[in-house]
Amino acid sequence: MVLIMTATQVRLCERLKRLGFSRANQIKLYGAQFELVGDPLVMGDNVVFVDAIEQKSRQLRRVRIPLNIVRMATDQTADGYAA
């Protein structure tokens, strides 16, 4: 499956990567520790996932990035803010 993103979605993904949601980073979400194996994927309005391996079970999961983080990145992208 080929995922085609708009310029706005690409900017959102870039901002999320700068916030730490990029390949090879480790994050804690939803009470679990994950190692990210992919970059953010925009699936719809305010719906962004990232592929990750849960450290406890070692299973590959597609984890939704919390809405408050997506909104923060969206707001900063719209304002032209760059870290």
N, C-alpha and C. Protein backbone atom coordinates (compact mmCIF):
# COMPACT_ATOMS: atom_id res chain seq x y z
N MET A 1 0.84 -1.18 0.00
CA MET A 1 0.00 0.00 0.00
C MET A 1 0.88 1.24 0.00
N VAL A 2 0.58 2.17 -0.88
CA VAL A 2 1.32 3.42 -0.97
C VAL A 2 0.50 4.50 -0.27
N LEU A 3 1.13 5.18 0.65
CA LEU A 3 0.46 6.23 1.40
C LEU A 3 0.87 7.58 0.80
N ILE A 4 -0.12 8.31 0.29
CA ILE A 4 0.14 9.63 -0.29
C ILE A 4 -0.34 10.67 0.71
N MET A 5 0.58 11.56 1.10
CA MET A 5 0.24 12.58 2.09
C MET A 5 0.29 13.97 1.46
N THR A 6 -0.52 14.85 2.00
CA THR A 6 -0.51 16.23 1.56
C THR A 6 0.72 16.93 2.14
N ALA A 7 1.02 18.12 1.64
CA ALA A 7 2.16 18.89 2.15
C ALA A 7 1.98 19.18 3.65
N THR A 8 0.76 19.46 4.07
CA THR A 8 0.49 19.72 5.48
C THR A 8 0.75 18.48 6.33
N GLN A 9 0.35 17.32 5.83
CA GLN A 9 0.60 16.08 6.56
C GLN A 9 2.09 15.75 6.64
N VAL A 10 2.82 16.04 5.58
CA VAL A 10 4.26 15.83 5.59
C VAL A 10 4.91 16.72 6.64
N ARG A 11 4.49 18.00 6.71
CA ARG A 11 5.03 18.92 7.72
C ARG A 11 4.70 18.43 9.13
N LEU A 12 3.49 17.92 9.31
CA LEU A 12 3.09 17.37 10.61
C LEU A 12 4.00 16.22 11.00
N CYS A 13 4.25 15.30 10.08
CA CYS A 13 5.14 14.16 10.36
C CYS A 13 6.54 14.63 10.70
N GLU A 14 7.04 15.62 9.99
CA GLU A 14 8.38 16.14 10.28
C GLU A 14 8.43 16.74 11.68
N ARG A 15 7.39 17.47 12.06
CA ARG A 15 7.33 18.07 13.40
C ARG A 15 7.27 16.98 14.47
N LEU A 16 6.47 15.94 14.24
CA LEU A 16 6.39 14.83 15.19
C LEU A 16 7.73 14.11 15.32
N LYS A 17 8.45 13.98 14.23
CA LYS A 17 9.79 13.36 14.30
C LYS A 17 10.71 14.20 15.18
N ARG A 18 10.63 15.53 15.04
CA ARG A 18 11.47 16.40 15.87
C ARG A 18 11.07 16.33 17.34
N LEU A 19 9.82 15.95 17.60
CA LEU A 19 9.37 15.78 18.99
C LEU A 19 9.74 14.41 19.56
N GLY A 20 10.40 13.58 18.76
CA GLY A 20 10.88 12.29 19.26
C GLY A 20 10.18 11.07 18.70
N PHE A 21 9.19 11.25 17.83
CA PHE A 21 8.47 10.12 17.25
C PHE A 21 9.11 9.72 15.93
N SER A 22 10.37 9.28 16.01
CA SER A 22 11.08 8.86 14.80
C SER A 22 11.75 7.52 15.04
N ARG A 23 12.04 6.87 13.95
CA ARG A 23 12.65 5.55 13.94
C ARG A 23 13.84 5.47 14.90
N ALA A 24 13.93 4.39 15.64
CA ALA A 24 15.03 4.06 16.55
C ALA A 24 14.94 4.78 17.90
N ASN A 25 13.96 5.64 18.11
CA ASN A 25 13.78 6.26 19.42
C ASN A 25 12.96 5.35 20.31
N GLN A 26 13.08 5.57 21.61
CA GLN A 26 12.28 4.82 22.58
C GLN A 26 11.33 5.80 23.26
N ILE A 27 10.08 5.38 23.43
CA ILE A 27 9.07 6.23 24.06
C ILE A 27 8.23 5.39 25.01
N LYS A 28 7.56 6.08 25.91
CA LYS A 28 6.60 5.42 26.79
C LYS A 28 5.24 6.01 26.48
N LEU A 29 4.31 5.15 26.07
CA LEU A 29 2.94 5.54 25.76
C LEU A 29 1.99 4.51 26.34
N TYR A 30 0.88 4.99 26.84
CA TYR A 30 -0.18 4.10 27.32
C TYR A 30 0.34 3.07 28.33
N GLY A 31 1.30 3.48 29.15
CA GLY A 31 1.84 2.62 30.19
C GLY A 31 2.82 1.57 29.72
N ALA A 32 3.23 1.62 28.47
CA ALA A 32 4.17 0.63 27.93
C ALA A 32 5.36 1.34 27.28
N GLN A 33 6.48 0.67 27.28
CA GLN A 33 7.70 1.19 26.67
C GLN A 33 7.80 0.62 25.25
N PHE A 34 8.10 1.49 24.28
CA PHE A 34 8.17 1.09 22.88
C PHE A 34 9.48 1.54 22.25
N GLU A 35 9.96 0.73 21.32
CA GLU A 35 11.06 1.11 20.45
C GLU A 35 10.44 1.36 19.07
N LEU A 36 10.60 2.58 18.57
CA LEU A 36 9.98 2.94 17.30
C LEU A 36 10.76 2.33 16.14
N VAL A 37 10.04 1.71 15.22
CA VAL A 37 10.68 1.09 14.05
C VAL A 37 10.24 1.76 12.76
N GLY A 38 9.48 2.83 12.89
CA GLY A 38 9.03 3.57 11.72
C GLY A 38 8.81 5.02 12.08
N ASP A 39 8.50 5.80 11.08
CA ASP A 39 8.19 7.21 11.26
C ASP A 39 6.67 7.37 11.30
N PRO A 40 6.19 8.52 11.77
CA PRO A 40 4.74 8.73 11.86
C PRO A 40 4.02 8.57 10.52
N LEU A 41 2.80 8.02 10.60
CA LEU A 41 1.94 7.82 9.43
C LEU A 41 0.61 8.52 9.69
N VAL A 42 0.27 9.48 8.85
CA VAL A 42 -1.01 10.18 8.99
C VAL A 42 -2.07 9.37 8.27
N MET A 43 -3.10 8.95 9.01
CA MET A 43 -4.17 8.15 8.44
C MET A 43 -5.44 8.96 8.21
N GLY A 44 -5.55 10.11 8.84
CA GLY A 44 -6.73 10.96 8.71
C GLY A 44 -6.58 12.19 9.56
N ASP A 45 -7.63 12.98 9.63
CA ASP A 45 -7.58 14.18 10.46
C ASP A 45 -7.29 13.81 11.91
N ASN A 46 -6.18 14.30 12.41
CA ASN A 46 -5.76 14.07 13.80
C ASN A 46 -5.56 12.61 14.16
N VAL A 47 -5.40 11.74 13.17
CA VAL A 47 -5.15 10.32 13.42
C VAL A 47 -3.77 9.98 12.86
N VAL A 48 -2.82 9.81 13.77
CA VAL A 48 -1.43 9.55 13.38
C VAL A 48 -0.94 8.34 14.16
N PHE A 49 -0.33 7.41 13.45
CA PHE A 49 0.20 6.20 14.05
C PHE A 49 1.71 6.13 13.84
N VAL A 50 2.35 5.29 14.64
CA VAL A 50 3.76 5.00 14.45
C VAL A 50 3.95 3.50 14.73
N ASP A 51 4.75 2.85 13.91
CA ASP A 51 5.03 1.43 14.12
C ASP A 51 6.11 1.28 15.19
N ALA A 52 5.87 0.37 16.13
CA ALA A 52 6.78 0.22 17.26
C ALA A 52 6.77 -1.22 17.77
N ILE A 53 7.84 -1.56 18.45
CA ILE A 53 7.93 -2.86 19.12
C ILE A 53 7.78 -2.62 20.61
N GLU A 54 6.77 -3.27 21.20
CA GLU A 54 6.58 -3.17 22.64
C GLU A 54 7.71 -3.94 23.31
N GLN A 55 8.42 -3.28 24.21
CA GLN A 55 9.61 -3.91 24.79
C GLN A 55 9.28 -5.13 25.64
N LYS A 56 8.17 -5.10 26.34
CA LYS A 56 7.84 -6.22 27.23
C LYS A 56 7.51 -7.49 26.45
N SER A 57 6.66 -7.37 25.44
CA SER A 57 6.22 -8.56 24.68
C SER A 57 7.03 -8.80 23.42
N ARG A 58 7.78 -7.80 22.98
CA ARG A 58 8.57 -7.82 21.73
C ARG A 58 7.68 -7.96 20.50
N GLN A 59 6.41 -7.57 20.62
CA GLN A 59 5.49 -7.64 19.49
C GLN A 59 5.44 -6.30 18.76
N LEU A 60 5.33 -6.40 17.43
CA LEU A 60 5.18 -5.21 16.61
C LEU A 60 3.76 -4.69 16.75
N ARG A 61 3.64 -3.39 17.00
CA ARG A 61 2.32 -2.77 17.15
C ARG A 61 2.29 -1.46 16.40
N ARG A 62 1.14 -1.10 15.91
CA ARG A 62 0.92 0.23 15.33
C ARG A 62 0.24 1.04 16.43
N VAL A 63 0.96 2.01 16.96
CA VAL A 63 0.52 2.76 18.13
C VAL A 63 0.04 4.15 17.70
N ARG A 64 -1.12 4.54 18.18
CA ARG A 64 -1.64 5.87 17.86
C ARG A 64 -0.93 6.91 18.72
N ILE A 65 -0.47 7.97 18.07
CA ILE A 65 0.15 9.07 18.80
C ILE A 65 -0.99 9.85 19.46
N PRO A 66 -0.86 10.14 20.76
CA PRO A 66 -1.94 10.80 21.48
C PRO A 66 -2.38 12.11 20.80
N LEU A 67 -3.69 12.33 20.84
CA LEU A 67 -4.29 13.47 20.16
C LEU A 67 -3.71 14.81 20.64
N ASN A 68 -3.43 14.94 21.94
CA ASN A 68 -2.89 16.22 22.42
C ASN A 68 -1.52 16.51 21.81
N ILE A 69 -0.73 15.49 21.56
CA ILE A 69 0.58 15.69 20.93
C ILE A 69 0.41 16.04 19.46
N VAL A 70 -0.51 15.35 18.79
CA VAL A 70 -0.78 15.65 17.37
C VAL A 70 -1.28 17.09 17.23
N ARG A 71 -2.19 17.49 18.11
CA ARG A 71 -2.70 18.87 18.04
C ARG A 71 -1.61 19.89 18.30
N MET A 72 -0.74 19.62 19.27
CA MET A 72 0.36 20.54 19.55
C MET A 72 1.25 20.67 18.32
N ALA A 73 1.58 19.56 17.70
CA ALA A 73 2.43 19.60 16.50
C ALA A 73 1.71 20.28 15.34
N THR A 74 0.41 20.06 15.23
CA THR A 74 -0.38 20.69 14.17
C THR A 74 -0.40 22.20 14.36
N ASP A 75 -0.62 22.65 15.60
CA ASP A 75 -0.66 24.08 15.90
C ASP A 75 0.69 24.73 15.61
N GLN A 76 1.77 24.06 15.98
CA GLN A 76 3.09 24.62 15.75
C GLN A 76 3.44 24.61 14.26
N THR A 77 2.95 23.62 13.53
CA THR A 77 3.17 23.58 12.08
C THR A 77 2.41 24.72 11.42
N ALA A 78 1.18 24.95 11.86
CA ALA A 78 0.36 26.03 11.27
C ALA A 78 0.94 27.40 11.57
N ASP A 79 1.58 27.54 12.72
CA ASP A 79 2.19 28.82 13.10
C ASP A 79 3.54 29.02 12.43
N GLY A 80 4.03 27.98 11.75
CA GLY A 80 5.34 28.07 11.11
C GLY A 80 6.49 27.91 12.09
N TYR A 81 6.18 27.38 13.27
CA TYR A 81 7.19 27.18 14.31
C TYR A 81 8.11 26.05 13.92
N ALA A 82 9.39 26.24 14.07
CA ALA A 82 10.36 25.17 13.79
C ALA A 82 11.31 25.08 14.97
N ALA A 83 11.50 23.87 15.46
CA ALA A 83 12.40 23.67 16.61
C ALA A 83 13.83 23.70 16.16
